[in-house]
Amino acid sequence: MEMLISLATTALQGIWGTDTSRLQRLAGEGGEGKLDSCYAYGRSREVVKMQWPQYYVPADERDA
C-alpha cells in the first residue's frame, strides 16, 4: 500500500518526461518554468544543456 503513493508520482514524472514539446513550452521565454525547479532541471545539469543550451551554466561558474 505504501508503494502506491510513490508509484503514482513516478508515473506522472515519467509521462511528463516523454513529451519534450511540453517541456520546451514550460521553459518559456527567459528560461522560466521548469528550470531550477528540481535537481534534474538545475541550470548546471545535462538535461538543461541538451534542451536549453542558452540557459546552461557550468557548475563551477554557477558557484562563483
PDB file of N, CA and C in Angstrom:
ATOM      1  N   MET A   1       0.816  -1.185   0.000  1.00  0.00           N
ATOM      2  CA  MET A   1       0.000   0.000   0.000  1.00  0.00           C
ATOM      3  C   MET A   1       0.870   1.263   0.000  1.00  0.00           C
ATOM      4  N   GLU A   2       1.936   1.256   0.784  1.00  0.00           N
ATOM      5  CA  GLU A   2       2.806   2.437   0.852  1.00  0.00           C
ATOM      6  C   GLU A   2       3.501   2.707  -0.485  1.00  0.00           C
ATOM      7  N   MET A   3       3.743   1.668  -1.248  1.00  0.00           N
ATOM      8  CA  MET A   3       4.435   1.833  -2.529  1.00  0.00           C
ATOM      9  C   MET A   3       3.548   2.505  -3.583  1.00  0.00           C
ATOM     10  N   LEU A   4       2.239   2.413  -3.434  1.00  0.00           N
ATOM     11  CA  LEU A   4       1.341   3.017  -4.415  1.00  0.00           C
ATOM     12  C   LEU A   4       1.480   4.529  -4.488  1.00  0.00           C
ATOM     13  N   ILE A   5       1.780   5.167  -3.362  1.00  0.00           N
ATOM     14  CA  ILE A   5       1.921   6.625  -3.352  1.00  0.00           C
ATOM     15  C   ILE A   5       3.104   7.046  -4.218  1.00  0.00           C
ATOM     16  N   SER A   6       4.238   6.416  -4.011  1.00  0.00           N
ATOM     17  CA  SER A   6       5.410   6.784  -4.813  1.00  0.00           C
ATOM     18  C   SER A   6       5.271   6.305  -6.254  1.00  0.00           C
ATOM     19  N   LEU A   7       4.530   5.258  -6.489  1.00  0.00           N
ATOM     20  CA  LEU A   7       4.316   4.774  -7.846  1.00  0.00           C
ATOM     21  C   LEU A   7       3.563   5.807  -8.689  1.00  0.00           C
ATOM     22  N   ALA A   8       2.566   6.444  -8.110  1.00  0.00           N
ATOM     23  CA  ALA A   8       1.810   7.464  -8.841  1.00  0.00           C
ATOM     24  C   ALA A   8       2.693   8.647  -9.197  1.00  0.00           C
ATOM     25  N   THR A   9       3.523   9.091  -8.262  1.00  0.00           N
ATOM     26  CA  THR A   9       4.437  10.201  -8.525  1.00  0.00           C
ATOM     27  C   THR A   9       5.404   9.849  -9.645  1.00  0.00           C
ATOM     28  N   THR A  10       5.973   8.667  -9.595  1.00  0.00           N
ATOM     29  CA  THR A  10       6.917   8.222 -10.615  1.00  0.00           C
ATOM     30  C   THR A  10       6.242   8.123 -11.977  1.00  0.00           C
ATOM     31  N   ALA A  11       5.029   7.625 -12.009  1.00  0.00           N
ATOM     32  CA  ALA A  11       4.304   7.509 -13.280  1.00  0.00           C
ATOM     33  C   ALA A  11       4.057   8.882 -13.901  1.00  0.00           C
ATOM     34  N   LEU A  12       3.624   9.840 -13.111  1.00  0.00           N
ATOM     35  CA  LEU A  12       3.383  11.184 -13.642  1.00  0.00           C
ATOM     36  C   LEU A  12       4.662  11.834 -14.143  1.00  0.00           C
ATOM     37  N   GLN A  13       5.747  11.679 -13.412  1.00  0.00           N
ATOM     38  CA  GLN A  13       7.015  12.250 -13.856  1.00  0.00           C
ATOM     39  C   GLN A  13       7.481  11.584 -15.144  1.00  0.00           C
ATOM     40  N   GLY A  14       7.252  10.302 -15.265  1.00  0.00           N
ATOM     41  CA  GLY A  14       7.636   9.588 -16.483  1.00  0.00           C
ATOM     42  C   GLY A  14       6.840  10.034 -17.691  1.00  0.00           C
ATOM     43  N   ILE A  15       5.555  10.259 -17.497  1.00  0.00           N
ATOM     44  CA  ILE A  15       4.695  10.718 -18.591  1.00  0.00           C
ATOM     45  C   ILE A  15       5.118  12.121 -19.033  1.00  0.00           C
ATOM     46  N   TRP A  16       5.364  13.008 -18.090  1.00  0.00           N
ATOM     47  CA  TRP A  16       5.791  14.368 -18.421  1.00  0.00           C
ATOM     48  C   TRP A  16       7.125  14.350 -19.147  1.00  0.00           C
ATOM     49  N   GLY A  17       8.013  13.449 -18.775  1.00  0.00           N
ATOM     50  CA  GLY A  17       9.336  13.400 -19.375  1.00  0.00           C
ATOM     51  C   GLY A  17       9.353  12.936 -20.813  1.00  0.00           C
ATOM     52  N   THR A  18       8.302  12.295 -21.273  1.00  0.00           N
ATOM     53  CA  THR A  18       8.276  11.799 -22.642  1.00  0.00           C
ATOM     54  C   THR A  18       7.838  12.852 -23.656  1.00  0.00           C
ATOM     55  N   ASP A  19       7.229  13.928 -23.199  1.00  0.00           N
ATOM     56  CA  ASP A  19       6.725  14.965 -24.101  1.00  0.00           C
ATOM     57  C   ASP A  19       7.670  16.169 -24.088  1.00  0.00           C
ATOM     58  N   THR A  20       8.659  16.162 -24.978  1.00  0.00           N
ATOM     59  CA  THR A  20       9.650  17.238 -24.985  1.00  0.00           C
ATOM     60  C   THR A  20       9.054  18.564 -25.427  1.00  0.00           C
ATOM     61  N   SER A  21       8.023  18.549 -26.258  1.00  0.00           N
ATOM     62  CA  SER A  21       7.416  19.820 -26.660  1.00  0.00           C
ATOM     63  C   SER A  21       6.770  20.507 -25.457  1.00  0.00           C
ATOM     64  N   ARG A  22       6.201  19.737 -24.553  1.00  0.00           N
ATOM     65  CA  ARG A  22       5.610  20.305 -23.341  1.00  0.00           C
ATOM     66  C   ARG A  22       6.704  20.901 -22.463  1.00  0.00           C
ATOM     67  N   LEU A  23       7.827  20.220 -22.354  1.00  0.00           N
ATOM     68  CA  LEU A  23       8.934  20.740 -21.550  1.00  0.00           C
ATOM     69  C   LEU A  23       9.471  22.033 -22.134  1.00  0.00           C
ATOM     70  N   GLN A  24       9.543  22.118 -23.446  1.00  0.00           N
ATOM     71  CA  GLN A  24      10.034  23.338 -24.073  1.00  0.00           C
ATOM     72  C   GLN A  24       9.062  24.497 -23.845  1.00  0.00           C
ATOM     73  N   ARG A  25       7.767  24.219 -23.876  1.00  0.00           N
ATOM     74  CA  ARG A  25       6.790  25.270 -23.595  1.00  0.00           C
ATOM     75  C   ARG A  25       6.894  25.729 -22.149  1.00  0.00           C
ATOM     76  N   LEU A  26       7.140  24.789 -21.222  1.00  0.00           N
ATOM     77  CA  LEU A  26       7.254  25.151 -19.822  1.00  0.00           C
ATOM     78  C   LEU A  26       8.502  25.976 -19.545  1.00  0.00           C
ATOM     79  N   ALA A  27       9.531  25.796 -20.356  1.00  0.00           N
ATOM     80  CA  ALA A  27      10.740  26.592 -20.173  1.00  0.00           C
ATOM     81  C   ALA A  27      10.432  28.044 -20.457  1.00  0.00           C
ATOM     82  N   GLY A  28       9.594  28.289 -21.448  1.00  0.00           N
ATOM     83  CA  GLY A  28       9.137  29.632 -21.760  1.00  0.00           C
ATOM     84  C   GLY A  28      10.255  30.570 -22.173  1.00  0.00           C
ATOM     85  N   GLU A  29       9.883  31.800 -22.371  1.00  0.00           N
ATOM     86  CA  GLU A  29      10.847  32.839 -22.705  1.00  0.00           C
ATOM     87  C   GLU A  29      11.638  33.172 -21.447  1.00  0.00           C
ATOM     88  N   GLY A  30      12.927  33.282 -21.585  1.00  0.00           N
ATOM     89  CA  GLY A  30      13.764  33.638 -20.445  1.00  0.00           C
ATOM     90  C   GLY A  30      14.066  32.479 -19.519  1.00  0.00           C
ATOM     91  N   GLY A  31      13.704  31.252 -19.916  1.00  0.00           N
ATOM     92  CA  GLY A  31      14.042  30.083 -19.121  1.00  0.00           C
ATOM     93  C   GLY A  31      13.184  29.868 -17.893  1.00  0.00           C
ATOM     94  N   GLU A  32      12.004  30.432 -17.875  1.00  0.00           N
ATOM     95  CA  GLU A  32      11.128  30.235 -16.730  1.00  0.00           C
ATOM     96  C   GLU A  32      10.452  28.876 -16.827  1.00  0.00           C
ATOM     97  N   GLY A  33       9.746  28.492 -15.823  1.00  0.00           N
ATOM     98  CA  GLY A  33       9.040  27.222 -15.851  1.00  0.00           C
ATOM     99  C   GLY A  33       9.773  26.172 -15.051  1.00  0.00           C
ATOM    100  N   LYS A  34      10.232  25.141 -15.706  1.00  0.00           N
ATOM    101  CA  LYS A  34      10.855  24.016 -15.023  1.00  0.00           C
ATOM    102  C   LYS A  34      12.299  24.270 -14.593  1.00  0.00           C
ATOM    103  N   LEU A  35      12.989  25.217 -15.212  1.00  0.00           N
ATOM    104  CA  LEU A  35      14.392  25.418 -14.895  1.00  0.00           C
ATOM    105  C   LEU A  35      14.578  25.739 -13.412  1.00  0.00           C
ATOM    106  N   ASP A  36      15.545  25.053 -12.798  1.00  0.00           N
ATOM    107  CA  ASP A  36      15.870  25.185 -11.372  1.00  0.00           C
ATOM    108  C   ASP A  36      14.730  24.753 -10.456  1.00  0.00           C
ATOM    109  N   SER A  37      13.761  23.994 -10.974  1.00  0.00           N
ATOM    110  CA  SER A  37      12.659  23.532 -10.129  1.00  0.00           C
ATOM    111  C   SER A  37      13.002  22.232  -9.406  1.00  0.00           C
ATOM    112  N   CYS A  38      14.026  21.526  -9.876  1.00  0.00           N
ATOM    113  CA  CYS A  38      14.470  20.300  -9.216  1.00  0.00           C
ATOM    114  C   CYS A  38      15.917  20.027  -9.625  1.00  0.00           C
ATOM    115  N   TYR A  39      16.485  18.962  -9.098  1.00  0.00           N
ATOM    116  CA  TYR A  39      17.881  18.618  -9.373  1.00  0.00           C
ATOM    117  C   TYR A  39      18.131  18.414 -10.867  1.00  0.00           C
ATOM    118  N   ALA A  40      17.276  17.670 -11.524  1.00  0.00           N
ATOM    119  CA  ALA A  40      17.477  17.349 -12.939  1.00  0.00           C
ATOM    120  C   ALA A  40      17.405  18.584 -13.829  1.00  0.00           C
ATOM    121  N   TYR A  41      16.573  19.562 -13.466  1.00  0.00           N
ATOM    122  CA  TYR A  41      16.412  20.765 -14.271  1.00  0.00           C
ATOM    123  C   TYR A  41      17.240  21.939 -13.763  1.00  0.00           C
ATOM    124  N   GLY A  42      18.230  21.670 -12.927  1.00  0.00           N
ATOM    125  CA  GLY A  42      19.142  22.723 -12.489  1.00  0.00           C
ATOM    126  C   GLY A  42      19.932  23.241 -13.686  1.00  0.00           C
ATOM    127  N   ARG A  43      20.270  24.504 -13.677  1.00  0.00           N
ATOM    128  CA  ARG A  43      20.935  25.117 -14.828  1.00  0.00           C
ATOM    129  C   ARG A  43      22.296  24.508 -15.143  1.00  0.00           C
ATOM    130  N   SER A  44      22.866  23.772 -14.223  1.00  0.00           N
ATOM    131  CA  SER A  44      24.169  23.151 -14.481  1.00  0.00           C
ATOM    132  C   SER A  44      24.046  21.658 -14.805  1.00  0.00           C
ATOM    133  N   ARG A  45      22.845  21.181 -15.068  1.00  0.00           N
ATOM    134  CA  ARG A  45      22.620  19.763 -15.351  1.00  0.00           C
ATOM    135  C   ARG A  45      22.619  19.488 -16.853  1.00  0.00           C
ATOM    136  N   GLU A  46      22.850  18.239 -17.197  1.00  0.00           N
ATOM    137  CA  GLU A  46      22.953  17.806 -18.588  1.00  0.00           C
ATOM    138  C   GLU A  46      21.641  17.994 -19.365  1.00  0.00           C
ATOM    139  N   VAL A  47      20.502  17.826 -18.685  1.00  0.00           N
ATOM    140  CA  VAL A  47      19.203  17.986 -19.350  1.00  0.00           C
ATOM    141  C   VAL A  47      19.054  19.408 -19.878  1.00  0.00           C
ATOM    142  N   VAL A  48      19.414  20.383 -19.061  1.00  0.00           N
ATOM    143  CA  VAL A  48      19.318  21.782 -19.483  1.00  0.00           C
ATOM    144  C   VAL A  48      20.313  22.048 -20.605  1.00  0.00           C
ATOM    145  N   LYS A  49      21.482  21.457 -20.525  1.00  0.00           N
ATOM    146  CA  LYS A  49      22.494  21.645 -21.570  1.00  0.00           C
ATOM    147  C   LYS A  49      21.979  21.142 -22.920  1.00  0.00           C
ATOM    148  N   MET A  50      21.224  20.038 -22.917  1.00  0.00           N
ATOM    149  CA  MET A  50      20.699  19.485 -24.160  1.00  0.00           C
ATOM    150  C   MET A  50      19.446  20.205 -24.636  1.00  0.00           C
ATOM    151  N   GLN A  51      18.505  20.488 -23.726  1.00  0.00           N
ATOM    152  CA  GLN A  51      17.213  21.066 -24.111  1.00  0.00           C
ATOM    153  C   GLN A  51      17.261  22.577 -24.306  1.00  0.00           C
ATOM    154  N   TRP A  52      17.971  23.275 -23.407  1.00  0.00           N
ATOM    155  CA  TRP A  52      18.022  24.734 -23.426  1.00  0.00           C
ATOM    156  C   TRP A  52      19.465  25.194 -23.233  1.00  0.00           C
ATOM    157  N   PRO A  53      20.308  24.991 -24.233  1.00  0.00           N
ATOM    158  CA  PRO A  53      21.727  25.320 -24.074  1.00  0.00           C
ATOM    159  C   PRO A  53      21.982  26.793 -23.773  1.00  0.00           C
ATOM    160  N   GLN A  54      21.084  27.678 -24.162  1.00  0.00           N
ATOM    161  CA  GLN A  54      21.277  29.099 -23.886  1.00  0.00           C
ATOM    162  C   GLN A  54      21.181  29.414 -22.394  1.00  0.00           C
ATOM    163  N   TYR A  55      20.579  28.523 -21.602  1.00  0.00           N
ATOM    164  CA  TYR A  55      20.431  28.748 -20.160  1.00  0.00           C
ATOM    165  C   TYR A  55      21.392  27.897 -19.337  1.00  0.00           C
ATOM    166  N   TYR A  56      22.174  27.068 -19.998  1.00  0.00           N
ATOM    167  CA  TYR A  56      23.116  26.189 -19.289  1.00  0.00           C
ATOM    168  C   TYR A  56      24.245  27.018 -18.683  1.00  0.00           C
ATOM    169  N   VAL A  57      24.555  26.742 -17.409  1.00  0.00           N
ATOM    170  CA  VAL A  57      25.672  27.388 -16.720  1.00  0.00           C
ATOM    171  C   VAL A  57      26.499  26.279 -16.074  1.00  0.00           C
ATOM    172  N   PRO A  58      27.769  26.119 -16.447  1.00  0.00           N
ATOM    173  CA  PRO A  58      28.596  25.085 -15.829  1.00  0.00           C
ATOM    174  C   PRO A  58      28.619  25.242 -14.306  1.00  0.00           C
ATOM    175  N   ALA A  59      28.712  24.140 -13.596  1.00  0.00           N
ATOM    176  CA  ALA A  59      28.639  24.136 -12.134  1.00  0.00           C
ATOM    177  C   ALA A  59      29.708  25.018 -11.508  1.00  0.00           C
ATOM    178  N   ASP A  60      30.924  25.003 -12.042  1.00  0.00           N
ATOM    179  CA  ASP A  60      31.996  25.799 -11.438  1.00  0.00           C
ATOM    180  C   ASP A  60      31.747  27.296 -11.606  1.00  0.00           C
ATOM    181  N   GLU A  61      31.103  27.726 -12.682  1.00  0.00           N
ATOM    182  CA  GLU A  61      30.774  29.139 -12.867  1.00  0.00           C
ATOM    183  C   GLU A  61      29.585  29.562 -12.003  1.00  0.00           C
ATOM    184  N   ARG A  62      28.693  28.638 -11.791  1.00  0.00           N
ATOM    185  CA  ARG A  62      27.488  28.952 -11.020  1.00  0.00           C
ATOM    186  C   ARG A  62      27.813  29.171  -9.546  1.00  0.00           C
ATOM    187  N   ASP A  63      28.770  28.418  -9.021  1.00  0.00           N
ATOM    188  CA  ASP A  63      29.143  28.532  -7.609  1.00  0.00           C
ATOM    189  C   ASP A  63      29.970  29.783  -7.344  1.00  0.00           C
ATOM    190  N   ALA A  64      30.558  30.342  -8.381  1.00  0.00           N
ATOM    191  CA  ALA A  64      31.444  31.503  -8.201  1.00  0.00           C
ATOM    192  C   ALA A  64      30.694  32.775  -7.909  1.00  0.00           C
TER     193      ALA A  64
END
